[in-house]
Structures are given as C-alpha cells and as structure tokens.
Amino acid sequence: MQVTEFDILIVGGGLAGLALASALGDTRFRIALVERRPPRPAPDWDARIYAVSPANADFLQAIGAWKHMAAERIAPIHSMRVFGDGGAQLDFSAYEAGVGELGWILESSLMACELWESVKRQGNLTLLCPAAPQALQVTAATAVLTLNDNSHVSAKLIVGADGRDSWVREALGLRAISTSYGEMGLVANFECQHPHRGIARQWFRCDGVLAWLPMAGNRVSIVWSTPDENARAMLALSAEELCARVAAAGNKELGTFKLLTPAAAFPLRLTYLPRIVAPRLALVGDAAHGIHPLSGHGINLGYQDAKALAALLAASPDWQDIGSERLLRRYQRERREETLSMQAATHALHHLFRKDFPGLSPWRNFGMNLTNRLPLLKSFLVRYAIGAF
C-alpha cells in the first residue's frame, strides 16, 4: 500500500479548517486538506452570514485574509438594541464601550472563497479536492486516512474540521452529547426601506428570537430561531407574506422589506463534547461544539479554535510529537472555558425567554432594564463578548 505522508491532515474545508490551514502557512509542517468541493461565491447575496468579532477580524487580518475581502460587502456593527418580551430594552454601543466596532457582518461564502484562494497559494499545503474520507486507522505513530479514490494519506496529526456531523469524530469514537432545541434557524436577506445605520437588532419574542443584522448597503439579514412548526409555516409563505411578517415582527423599524434571497432553515441543537482531542486527533469548529445562534458566536468560536491550535503547533519544538495527546490536551484546556461559558450563556438565555415560563417575564425584563442603566456593566459585557480584554 502506497501512502503519501504529511505532518498535519485537515479534514474539512469550511471556515475553521481553512483558517487553521492558513494560520499554519509559515510553519515547518507539511499539510494536506481534504474537501469534497471548493467553495463557490454566492450568485447575489449569501443567506448564510456571520457576525465576526473584532478579535477574529484581527485573526483574519493576521493570516492575510481580511485585507483581500471585498470591503463593499462588509458591514460594521456600530451598536446593538435588544428588546425583551415585556417592553424592556438593552442598548450596546461601540462608542460607549471604547471600541471601534462591535463586529462586522460578512457572508459565509465571501470568507470561504478568500480563505480558499489563500491556501491554494500556500507552499506547504496540498489540497486534496474533490476527495472524501472513507476509512481511518490510528496507530501509535501515525494516522492513515483512506480516501474515496482508494488512495492513502498519513499524518502525525489529523484535525477534524468537518462540521457538526463530523465524520472524523464519529470514526474515532469521540462522544458528542446533542440536545435538540425543537427549533429551526430561519435565515433570509432583505432590502429595507429605511437605513439600518449599522445597528443590529434582536427581539426575544414568544415565538422565538429574531435578529436583524446590518448588511452592506440598505440590506439586513435575519436569523429567526423559532419552533419547528412555525419555521416550516414561514418557509411556505410567499415572498410578499414573508416580508410583511418579518417587518411586522420588528415593529417596522426599518419600514417595508423586499426579499433578496429565498428563506432557508436549519435545525438547532446544543452539542457538547467531553473531549475534543485524542491521540493523533484534534477537533475544531462545529465538529468540536455547537451553540444556539442567538449570540451569533458560532464562527467566532471556530476561528479561536483555529488560532489556538495553530499557535500551539507552531510553538512546538522540532522534536515534539504534534500528535501526542499530552500536547493536544493543552489545546483542549485552552478552549474549554470560552466554549463552555458561551454554551451555558446561550442555553440559559434560550430557556429564560421560553414562552412556557411566563411568570419569569417581569423579572427578565426588569433585569434587562436594570442592566441598561449600568454603563460600566454594559461596557464590561460588550468588551468580554468581542474579545477586547
């Protein structure tokens, strides 16, 4: 059996996997990346968008990707307004927190295509695409991956960056504890009548959590986390009916809406892994964790996974076995606190505003209004959320 040898094998060419590969571009390692198909630019505006924190914008800048992204498709978030289900309001401002921006809204395909172009030019990386994993064998010294064309590649370390239904994770038996929220995340893009002025808006409603995220130009992207039956009902609406429904849900703060991309929805679930490393294995991104989207931090966790793992590997001496579990546990320890705290916070907020706990409504709205009157606390919350400490 002929085997092509590498130092690091990344399975999955999504945002976290591509960012990890790019962050390792100036290292001594020979890297291979396995992906079924290259990313494609959206024909118009991508319905899948992310709120990228300043800390992760700095990371993308450091690996050379940010400066090449089309600036006219990036929207800054200057402030955020959060509305409770009983009239409460909580306002966050970049200016008041002493930071430049709260974050930036970017299309998934915009980031993916730029990161893909970056790694294509990377001298120490081999792209195995189109390719898919078929079998994985781990020994004391190496991990050998069989691809769908019956070729074989090996590495000292294999990184699972292949999403929330990770094939790598399943192949090596790392246990994932998943809890369905019984909800779907409905996403779509709209052109709005009035300018959004860089303000992100979020409503905690009896039918879920609705976010309006400012896109470039006079556009917004929505993420509506709502019970399955409600999501399916909205998917069945005509474009005009959906526009009216979304505009009304936000009290028509931006006037009338015009649909730019067809609505889509995906199931929501919390995914916790007791371990994200094993001998010769590390997980990053959605393969390592899953959170409720109400915080908008899913990709931010993934980028920080890539940054932490890349820094650990790059700092390892030449004699270090980069696939040893003892070394990889340092990565697991570093990422555990942020991941668990974000999972706990979003899970608690989701349950706090559930409609089957109506008696909590006065208290949660009181808490929001109280927080809104404490500028030091608000500044702390903002700076913690965006990684400005």
Protein backbone atom coordinates (compact mmCIF):
# COMPACT_ATOMS: atom_id res chain seq x y z
CA MET A 1 0.00 0.00 0.00
CA GLN A 2 1.44 3.34 -1.08
CA VAL A 3 0.91 6.12 1.45
CA THR A 4 1.61 9.83 0.97
CA GLU A 5 2.98 11.27 4.18
CA PHE A 6 2.22 14.65 5.75
CA ASP A 7 2.64 16.20 9.18
CA ILE A 8 -0.90 17.52 9.54
CA LEU A 9 -4.05 16.36 7.78
CA ILE A 10 -7.09 18.65 7.97
CA VAL A 11 -10.40 17.03 7.04
CA GLY A 12 -12.92 19.69 6.09
CA GLY A 13 -12.52 22.89 4.11
CA GLY A 14 -15.05 25.02 5.93
CA LEU A 15 -14.17 28.31 7.59
CA ALA A 16 -12.46 26.84 10.67
CA GLY A 17 -10.46 24.28 8.69
CA LEU A 18 -9.35 26.82 6.09
CA ALA A 19 -8.41 29.34 8.77
CA LEU A 20 -6.31 26.72 10.56
CA ALA A 21 -4.52 25.78 7.34
CA SER A 22 -3.82 29.42 6.56
CA ALA A 23 -2.58 30.13 10.10
CA LEU A 24 -0.03 27.32 9.65
CA GLY A 25 1.24 28.76 6.37
CA ASP A 26 4.60 29.96 7.70
CA THR A 27 5.38 26.86 9.73
CA ARG A 28 7.63 23.89 9.05
CA PHE A 29 4.73 21.47 8.67
CA ARG A 30 3.65 19.66 5.53
CA ILE A 31 -0.12 19.97 5.45
CA ALA A 32 -2.89 18.36 3.43
CA LEU A 33 -6.51 19.48 3.38
CA VAL A 34 -9.31 17.12 2.34
CA GLU A 35 -12.50 18.66 0.98
CA ARG A 36 -15.36 17.34 -1.15
CA ARG A 37 -15.81 20.53 -3.21
CA PRO A 38 -14.35 24.04 -3.28
CA PRO A 39 -16.47 26.94 -2.02
CA ARG A 40 -18.37 29.00 -4.56
CA PRO A 41 -19.28 32.67 -4.42
CA ALA A 42 -22.95 33.40 -3.91
CA PRO A 43 -24.72 34.46 -7.14
CA ASP A 44 -26.06 37.53 -5.36
CA TRP A 45 -26.07 37.78 -1.56
CA ASP A 46 -25.35 34.74 0.59
CA ALA A 47 -28.19 33.93 3.01
CA ARG A 48 -25.67 32.47 5.44
CA ILE A 49 -23.93 35.33 7.20
CA TYR A 50 -21.82 35.66 10.32
CA ALA A 51 -21.12 38.37 12.88
CA VAL A 52 -17.33 38.40 13.15
CA SER A 53 -15.96 39.83 16.39
CA PRO A 54 -13.07 42.34 16.41
CA ALA A 55 -10.78 39.69 17.90
CA ASN A 56 -11.47 37.39 14.97
CA ALA A 57 -11.22 40.21 12.43
CA ASP A 58 -7.71 40.72 13.84
CA PHE A 59 -7.04 36.99 13.43
CA LEU A 60 -8.19 37.06 9.80
CA GLN A 61 -6.01 40.13 9.27
CA ALA A 62 -3.02 38.34 10.80
CA ILE A 63 -3.35 35.36 8.44
CA GLY A 64 -3.70 37.68 5.45
CA ALA A 65 -7.34 37.05 4.54
CA TRP A 66 -9.17 40.14 5.78
CA LYS A 67 -7.46 42.69 3.54
CA HIS A 68 -8.43 40.78 0.39
CA MET A 69 -12.16 40.58 1.15
CA ALA A 70 -14.41 42.93 -0.79
CA ALA A 71 -14.89 45.89 1.56
CA GLU A 72 -18.15 46.87 -0.13
CA ARG A 73 -19.71 43.59 1.07
CA ILE A 74 -18.70 44.03 4.72
CA ALA A 75 -20.95 45.91 7.16
CA PRO A 76 -19.75 47.21 10.54
CA ILE A 77 -21.92 46.90 13.64
CA HIS A 78 -21.84 50.24 15.46
CA SER A 79 -24.45 49.41 18.08
CA MET A 80 -26.99 46.80 19.12
CA ARG A 81 -30.52 47.03 20.51
CA VAL A 82 -32.03 44.08 22.36
CA PHE A 83 -35.76 44.04 23.12
CA GLY A 84 -37.41 41.89 25.77
CA ASP A 85 -40.87 40.35 25.56
CA GLY A 86 -42.32 42.85 28.05
CA GLY A 87 -41.15 46.21 26.80
CA ALA A 88 -37.59 46.08 28.16
CA GLN A 89 -34.69 47.34 26.07
CA LEU A 90 -30.93 46.88 26.33
CA ASP A 91 -28.60 49.04 24.22
CA PHE A 92 -24.94 48.36 23.44
CA SER A 93 -22.71 50.92 21.75
CA ALA A 94 -19.17 50.53 20.41
CA TYR A 95 -18.52 54.18 21.28
CA GLU A 96 -19.67 53.83 24.88
CA ALA A 97 -17.59 50.66 25.29
CA GLY A 98 -14.48 52.38 23.95
CA VAL A 99 -14.05 50.11 20.93
CA GLY A 100 -14.10 50.82 17.22
CA GLU A 101 -16.87 48.41 16.26
CA LEU A 102 -18.89 45.70 17.95
CA GLY A 103 -18.21 43.46 14.98
CA TRP A 104 -18.68 43.05 11.25
CA ILE A 105 -21.28 41.20 9.21
CA LEU A 106 -19.80 39.05 6.46
CA GLU A 107 -21.20 36.45 4.11
CA SER A 108 -20.01 32.90 4.69
CA SER A 109 -19.12 32.44 1.02
CA LEU A 110 -17.09 35.67 0.97
CA MET A 111 -14.84 34.43 3.76
CA ALA A 112 -14.68 30.87 2.46
CA CYS A 113 -13.69 31.86 -1.07
CA GLU A 114 -10.96 34.21 0.12
CA LEU A 115 -9.54 31.67 2.57
CA TRP A 116 -9.64 29.05 -0.19
CA GLU A 117 -7.68 31.29 -2.55
CA SER A 118 -5.16 31.92 0.24
CA VAL A 119 -4.47 28.25 0.92
CA LYS A 120 -4.28 27.49 -2.82
CA ARG A 121 -1.22 29.73 -2.91
CA GLN A 122 0.29 28.20 0.23
CA GLY A 123 3.60 26.47 -0.39
CA ASN A 124 3.41 23.95 2.46
CA LEU A 125 -0.14 22.79 1.72
CA THR A 126 -1.59 20.20 -0.63
CA LEU A 127 -5.28 20.44 -1.50
CA LEU A 128 -6.97 17.07 -1.90
CA CYS A 129 -10.17 18.17 -3.61
CA PRO A 130 -12.52 16.72 -4.62
CA ALA A 131 -11.96 13.99 -2.07
CA ALA A 132 -13.84 12.37 0.78
CA PRO A 133 -12.67 10.20 3.71
CA GLN A 134 -13.60 6.53 3.66
CA ALA A 135 -11.62 4.89 6.46
CA LEU A 136 -9.30 5.97 9.25
CA GLN A 137 -6.75 3.94 11.13
CA VAL A 138 -4.76 5.35 14.04
CA THR A 139 -1.57 3.71 15.30
CA ALA A 140 0.92 4.71 17.96
CA ALA A 141 2.97 6.64 15.40
CA THR A 142 0.57 7.91 12.74
CA ALA A 143 -2.98 8.28 11.42
CA VAL A 144 -3.71 6.80 8.00
CA LEU A 145 -6.72 8.06 6.04
CA THR A 146 -8.19 6.21 3.08
CA LEU A 147 -9.90 8.44 0.53
CA ASN A 148 -12.78 7.65 -1.79
CA ASP A 149 -10.40 7.07 -4.73
CA ASN A 150 -8.65 4.36 -2.65
CA SER A 151 -5.54 6.50 -2.18
CA HIS A 152 -3.95 6.69 1.27
CA VAL A 153 -2.51 9.64 3.19
CA SER A 154 -0.95 9.69 6.62
CA ALA A 155 -0.08 12.34 9.17
CA LYS A 156 1.19 12.74 12.69
CA LEU A 157 -1.96 14.74 13.46
CA ILE A 158 -5.41 14.63 11.92
CA VAL A 159 -7.73 17.59 12.52
CA GLY A 160 -11.48 17.12 12.24
CA ALA A 161 -12.89 20.34 10.78
CA ASP A 162 -15.79 18.65 9.04
CA GLY A 163 -18.80 20.22 10.71
CA ARG A 164 -21.36 19.33 13.32
CA ASP A 165 -21.95 15.84 11.91
CA SER A 166 -18.21 15.21 11.82
CA TRP A 167 -17.14 12.01 10.05
CA VAL A 168 -13.73 12.17 11.76
CA ARG A 169 -15.29 12.48 15.21
CA GLU A 170 -17.53 9.50 14.54
CA ALA A 171 -14.72 7.41 13.07
CA LEU A 172 -12.60 7.79 16.20
CA GLY A 173 -15.48 7.40 18.64
CA LEU A 174 -15.41 10.77 20.36
CA ARG A 175 -18.75 11.10 22.11
CA ALA A 176 -20.93 14.09 21.28
CA ILE A 177 -23.89 14.92 23.52
CA SER A 178 -26.51 16.66 21.40
CA THR A 179 -29.71 18.26 22.64
CA SER A 180 -32.31 19.40 20.14
CA TYR A 181 -33.94 22.75 20.84
CA GLY A 182 -37.01 21.77 18.84
CA GLU A 183 -36.36 24.89 16.83
CA MET A 184 -35.03 25.91 13.44
CA GLY A 185 -32.97 28.91 12.46
CA LEU A 186 -34.77 30.70 9.63
CA VAL A 187 -32.42 32.84 7.53
CA ALA A 188 -33.01 35.25 4.65
CA ASN A 189 -31.75 38.58 3.33
CA PHE A 190 -33.88 41.66 2.69
CA GLU A 191 -33.60 45.11 1.25
CA CYS A 192 -35.14 47.55 3.72
CA GLN A 193 -36.94 50.84 3.17
CA HIS A 194 -35.05 52.83 5.82
CA PRO A 195 -31.28 52.78 6.54
CA HIS A 196 -30.21 50.48 9.35
CA ARG A 197 -27.30 52.79 10.36
CA GLY A 198 -25.11 49.88 11.40
CA ILE A 199 -27.46 48.86 14.21
CA ALA A 200 -28.05 45.18 14.96
CA ARG A 201 -31.46 44.49 16.45
CA GLN A 202 -32.68 41.46 18.39
CA TRP A 203 -36.11 40.65 19.78
CA PHE A 204 -36.88 37.99 22.39
CA ARG A 205 -40.42 37.07 21.39
CA CYS A 206 -42.97 34.47 22.40
CA ASP A 207 -42.30 32.71 19.07
CA GLY A 208 -38.52 32.72 19.36
CA VAL A 209 -35.56 35.05 18.97
CA LEU A 210 -35.44 37.32 15.93
CA ALA A 211 -32.25 39.12 14.90
CA TRP A 212 -31.86 41.75 12.19
CA LEU A 213 -28.20 42.05 11.24
CA PRO A 214 -26.99 45.02 9.16
CA MET A 215 -25.51 44.09 5.81
CA ALA A 216 -23.65 46.29 3.35
CA GLY A 217 -25.91 48.89 1.76
CA ASN A 218 -29.55 49.16 2.70
CA ARG A 219 -29.87 45.46 3.48
CA VAL A 220 -30.40 43.25 6.50
CA SER A 221 -30.03 39.55 7.13
CA ILE A 222 -32.32 37.85 9.61
CA VAL A 223 -31.88 34.86 11.85
CA TRP A 224 -35.18 33.81 13.41
CA SER A 225 -34.79 30.99 15.93
CA THR A 226 -38.29 29.65 16.21
CA PRO A 227 -40.16 26.37 16.92
CA ASP A 228 -40.08 23.86 14.08
CA GLU A 229 -43.74 24.21 13.14
CA ASN A 230 -43.50 28.00 12.97
CA ALA A 231 -40.36 27.84 10.84
CA ARG A 232 -42.00 25.42 8.40
CA ALA A 233 -45.05 27.68 8.20
CA MET A 234 -42.89 30.70 7.35
CA LEU A 235 -40.97 28.75 4.72
CA ALA A 236 -44.30 28.13 3.00
CA LEU A 237 -45.15 31.85 2.82
CA SER A 238 -44.90 33.82 -0.39
CA ALA A 239 -42.12 36.40 -0.66
CA GLU A 240 -44.57 39.23 -0.01
CA GLU A 241 -46.09 37.47 3.01
CA LEU A 242 -42.67 36.71 4.50
CA CYS A 243 -41.52 40.31 4.05
CA ALA A 244 -44.66 41.58 5.79
CA ARG A 245 -44.25 39.04 8.61
CA VAL A 246 -40.60 39.91 9.27
CA ALA A 247 -41.15 43.67 9.07
CA ALA A 248 -44.11 43.49 11.45
CA ALA A 249 -42.17 41.29 13.92
CA GLY A 250 -39.65 44.12 14.22
CA ASN A 251 -42.34 46.78 14.61
CA LYS A 252 -41.50 48.06 11.11
CA GLU A 253 -38.46 49.86 12.48
CA LEU A 254 -36.88 49.78 9.01
CA GLY A 255 -40.09 50.22 7.05
CA THR A 256 -41.09 47.74 4.37
CA PHE A 257 -38.93 44.83 3.26
CA LYS A 258 -38.09 43.30 -0.12
CA LEU A 259 -36.83 39.71 -0.20
CA LEU A 260 -33.34 39.30 -1.71
CA THR A 261 -32.65 35.60 -1.06
CA PRO A 262 -35.07 32.70 -0.59
CA ALA A 263 -35.64 31.79 3.04
CA ALA A 264 -33.91 28.68 4.36
CA ALA A 265 -33.93 26.96 7.74
CA PHE A 266 -31.71 24.57 9.67
CA PRO A 267 -32.35 22.61 12.88
CA LEU A 268 -30.86 23.98 16.10
CA ARG A 269 -29.16 21.88 18.73
CA LEU A 270 -26.67 22.16 21.55
CA THR A 271 -23.63 19.91 21.08
CA TYR A 272 -21.21 19.26 23.90
CA LEU A 273 -18.12 17.08 23.71
CA PRO A 274 -16.38 15.92 26.91
CA ARG A 275 -13.21 15.53 24.83
CA ILE A 276 -12.14 17.32 21.64
CA VAL A 277 -8.73 15.62 21.43
CA ALA A 278 -7.44 12.08 21.35
CA PRO A 279 -4.13 10.52 20.32
CA ARG A 280 -3.36 11.94 16.82
CA LEU A 281 -6.65 13.88 16.75
CA ALA A 282 -7.97 17.38 17.44
CA LEU A 283 -11.36 18.86 16.57
CA VAL A 284 -12.10 22.46 15.60
CA GLY A 285 -15.20 24.47 14.75
CA ASP A 286 -18.62 22.86 14.64
CA ALA A 287 -17.02 19.41 14.91
CA ALA A 288 -15.95 20.41 18.44
CA HIS A 289 -19.05 22.25 19.69
CA GLY A 290 -22.47 23.58 18.81
CA ILE A 291 -24.35 26.50 20.37
CA HIS A 292 -27.65 28.32 19.96
CA PRO A 293 -27.27 31.05 17.31
CA LEU A 294 -28.83 33.81 19.45
CA SER A 295 -25.34 35.04 20.40
CA GLY A 296 -24.00 34.99 16.84
CA HIS A 297 -20.75 33.48 18.12
CA GLY A 298 -20.60 30.13 16.31
CA ILE A 299 -17.89 31.04 13.82
CA ASN A 300 -16.06 33.16 16.37
CA LEU A 301 -15.54 30.06 18.49
CA GLY A 302 -14.34 28.18 15.41
CA TYR A 303 -11.83 30.85 14.46
CA GLN A 304 -10.50 30.93 18.01
CA ASP A 305 -10.12 27.14 17.89
CA ALA A 306 -8.02 27.52 14.74
CA LYS A 307 -5.95 30.32 16.24
CA ALA A 308 -5.25 28.42 19.48
CA LEU A 309 -4.36 25.13 17.79
CA ALA A 310 -2.16 26.81 15.19
CA ALA A 311 -0.28 28.74 17.89
CA LEU A 312 0.28 25.58 19.93
CA LEU A 313 1.60 23.62 16.96
CA ALA A 314 3.77 26.46 15.64
CA ALA A 315 5.40 26.91 19.06
CA SER A 316 6.21 23.20 19.45
CA PRO A 317 9.90 22.29 19.11
CA ASP A 318 11.11 20.11 16.25
CA TRP A 319 11.43 17.05 18.46
CA GLN A 320 7.83 17.34 19.72
CA ASP A 321 5.34 14.72 18.58
CA ILE A 322 2.49 17.02 17.48
CA GLY A 323 0.03 14.14 17.61
CA SER A 324 0.63 13.25 21.25
CA GLU A 325 -2.46 13.52 23.40
CA ARG A 326 -0.42 15.14 26.16
CA LEU A 327 0.36 18.10 23.87
CA LEU A 328 -3.14 18.28 22.42
CA ARG A 329 -4.72 18.43 25.88
CA ARG A 330 -3.19 21.90 26.22
CA TYR A 331 -5.34 22.99 23.28
CA GLN A 332 -8.39 21.35 24.86
CA ARG A 333 -7.81 23.13 28.19
CA GLU A 334 -7.32 26.49 26.50
CA ARG A 335 -10.58 26.26 24.56
CA ARG A 336 -12.79 24.71 27.23
CA GLU A 337 -13.57 27.82 29.30
CA GLU A 338 -14.71 30.04 26.43
CA THR A 339 -16.71 27.27 24.78
CA LEU A 340 -18.48 26.16 27.95
CA SER A 341 -19.24 29.71 29.08
CA MET A 342 -20.73 30.59 25.69
CA GLN A 343 -22.77 27.38 25.58
CA ALA A 344 -24.04 27.94 29.12
CA ALA A 345 -24.94 31.59 28.46
CA THR A 346 -26.85 30.97 25.24
CA HIS A 347 -28.58 27.90 26.64
CA ALA A 348 -29.67 29.84 29.74
CA LEU A 349 -30.94 32.79 27.70
CA HIS A 350 -32.89 30.47 25.44
CA HIS A 351 -34.65 28.87 28.42
CA LEU A 352 -35.10 32.17 30.25
CA PHE A 353 -37.26 33.55 27.43
CA ARG A 354 -39.24 30.41 26.67
CA LYS A 355 -42.97 31.03 26.44
CA ASP A 356 -43.73 28.18 28.85
CA PHE A 357 -42.16 30.23 31.65
CA PRO A 358 -44.45 33.29 31.50
CA GLY A 359 -44.06 34.03 35.20
CA LEU A 360 -40.44 35.00 34.58
CA SER A 361 -41.35 37.75 32.13
CA PRO A 362 -41.47 40.64 34.63
CA TRP A 363 -38.18 39.59 36.21
CA ARG A 364 -36.22 39.09 32.99
CA ASN A 365 -37.44 42.42 31.62
CA PHE A 366 -36.60 44.11 34.91
CA GLY A 367 -33.09 42.66 34.65
CA MET A 368 -32.68 43.95 31.11
CA ASN A 369 -33.81 47.46 32.07
CA LEU A 370 -31.57 47.47 35.15
CA THR A 371 -28.53 46.40 33.11
CA ASN A 372 -29.32 49.13 30.59
CA ARG A 373 -28.92 51.72 33.35
CA LEU A 374 -25.46 50.46 34.41
CA PRO A 375 -22.94 51.70 31.81
CA LEU A 376 -19.91 50.07 33.45
CA LEU A 377 -21.60 46.67 33.42
CA LYS A 378 -22.70 47.12 29.81
CA SER A 379 -19.17 48.12 28.80
CA PHE A 380 -17.78 45.04 30.55
CA LEU A 381 -20.29 42.75 28.81
CA VAL A 382 -19.51 44.24 25.40
CA ARG A 383 -15.75 44.06 25.80
CA TYR A 384 -15.94 40.48 27.06
CA ALA A 385 -18.20 39.42 24.18
CA ILE A 386 -15.98 40.91 21.47
CA GLY A 387 -12.69 39.77 23.00
CA ALA A 388 -11.42 43.28 23.76
CA PHE A 389 -9.75 42.44 27.08
